Amino acid sequence: MFLTTLLLFSSCEKDSISTIKDNATILYEGYPAADGCGYFLLIEENKFNPIELKSEFSVDGLIVNVEYQLLETKWACNWQEHKFSQIKIIDISKK
């Protein structure tokens, strides 16, 4: 009985994903193959690296509504020492 309860509780924790909803500005910092950093989302003065950004939102200066999950992984642009937190976009729309 205890093991069944523990397994049920564990599976529920894995399914619950903490997401954040906010406004963001898409930033383009150059083509990565030419020493650029690609796309970022600027949220409350912090830059985040999206692990996947749909091409329709790959527009520098575009303001969007975004729901995302903050990941534990960090990403370093090829020429910068600073590492940026990565996010997984759950939902995104033009503002």
Protein backbone atom coordinates (compact mmCIF):
# COMPACT_ATOMS: atom_id res chain seq x y z
CA MET A 1 0.00 0.00 0.00
CA PHE A 2 2.78 2.46 0.93
CA LEU A 3 4.72 1.68 -2.26
CA THR A 4 1.60 2.23 -4.40
CA THR A 5 0.96 5.58 -2.72
CA LEU A 6 4.60 6.58 -3.18
CA LEU A 7 4.55 5.67 -6.89
CA LEU A 8 1.29 7.56 -7.43
CA PHE A 9 2.66 10.66 -5.67
CA SER A 10 5.93 10.50 -7.64
CA SER A 11 4.14 10.33 -10.97
CA CYS A 12 1.99 13.34 -10.06
CA GLU A 13 5.07 15.43 -9.29
CA LYS A 14 6.61 14.69 -12.68
CA ASP A 15 3.44 15.80 -14.50
CA SER A 16 3.21 19.18 -12.76
CA ILE A 17 5.35 21.68 -14.60
CA SER A 18 5.84 25.10 -13.10
CA THR A 19 5.36 27.73 -15.78
CA ILE A 20 5.67 31.50 -15.81
CA LYS A 21 3.61 33.93 -17.91
CA ASP A 22 5.13 37.29 -18.83
CA ASN A 23 5.73 39.85 -21.56
CA ALA A 24 9.00 39.63 -23.46
CA THR A 25 10.92 41.32 -26.26
CA ILE A 26 12.67 39.18 -28.85
CA LEU A 27 16.32 40.18 -29.26
CA TYR A 28 18.54 39.12 -32.15
CA GLU A 29 22.25 39.31 -31.47
CA GLY A 30 23.66 38.11 -34.75
CA TYR A 31 24.10 34.90 -36.66
CA PRO A 32 25.78 32.29 -34.40
CA ALA A 33 28.06 30.99 -37.17
CA ALA A 34 29.49 34.51 -37.52
CA ASP A 35 30.24 34.97 -33.77
CA GLY A 36 26.73 36.18 -32.98
CA CYS A 37 24.52 34.81 -30.21
CA GLY A 38 21.23 34.25 -32.03
CA TYR A 39 17.90 34.95 -30.36
CA PHE A 40 17.10 35.81 -26.75
CA LEU A 41 13.95 36.72 -24.88
CA LEU A 42 14.31 39.85 -22.78
CA ILE A 43 12.07 39.52 -19.73
CA GLU A 44 12.22 42.17 -17.01
CA GLU A 45 15.77 43.22 -18.00
CA ASN A 46 17.04 39.60 -18.01
CA LYS A 47 18.06 37.76 -21.18
CA PHE A 48 17.00 34.13 -21.57
CA ASN A 49 18.02 31.66 -24.25
CA PRO A 50 15.00 29.81 -25.67
CA ILE A 51 15.74 26.21 -26.58
CA GLU A 52 13.30 26.52 -29.48
CA LEU A 53 11.83 29.68 -31.01
CA LYS A 54 9.40 29.34 -33.90
CA SER A 55 10.49 31.18 -37.05
CA GLU A 56 7.38 33.40 -37.04
CA PHE A 57 8.63 34.89 -33.73
CA SER A 58 12.26 35.23 -34.83
CA VAL A 59 11.91 38.99 -35.31
CA ASP A 60 14.23 41.43 -33.52
CA GLY A 61 12.26 43.84 -31.32
CA LEU A 62 9.00 41.86 -31.47
CA ILE A 63 7.00 42.14 -28.25
CA VAL A 64 5.27 38.93 -27.21
CA ASN A 65 3.23 37.28 -24.47
CA VAL A 66 5.05 34.16 -23.39
CA GLU A 67 4.45 31.23 -21.08
CA TYR A 68 7.63 29.37 -20.34
CA GLN A 69 9.38 26.94 -18.08
CA LEU A 70 12.69 28.02 -16.57
CA LEU A 71 15.20 25.22 -17.09
CA GLU A 72 18.19 24.32 -14.95
CA THR A 73 20.50 24.42 -17.98
CA LYS A 74 22.67 27.39 -18.92
CA TRP A 75 23.87 28.41 -22.38
CA ALA A 76 27.06 30.29 -23.21
CA CYS A 77 27.36 32.32 -26.37
CA ASN A 78 30.52 31.38 -28.21
CA TRP A 79 32.42 34.55 -27.28
CA GLN A 80 30.93 35.48 -23.93
CA GLU A 81 31.90 34.15 -20.52
CA HIS A 82 28.44 34.88 -19.10
CA LYS A 83 26.03 31.95 -19.26
CA PHE A 84 22.35 32.59 -19.90
CA SER A 85 19.50 30.64 -18.34
CA GLN A 86 17.56 28.58 -20.82
CA ILE A 87 13.79 28.48 -21.12
CA LYS A 88 11.34 26.13 -22.78
CA ILE A 89 8.53 28.04 -24.45
CA ILE A 90 5.13 26.52 -23.66
CA ASP A 91 3.03 29.15 -25.43
CA ILE A 92 3.87 32.37 -27.26
CA SER A 93 1.81 34.99 -29.09
CA LYS A 94 2.32 38.46 -30.53
CA LYS A 95 1.24 41.22 -28.21
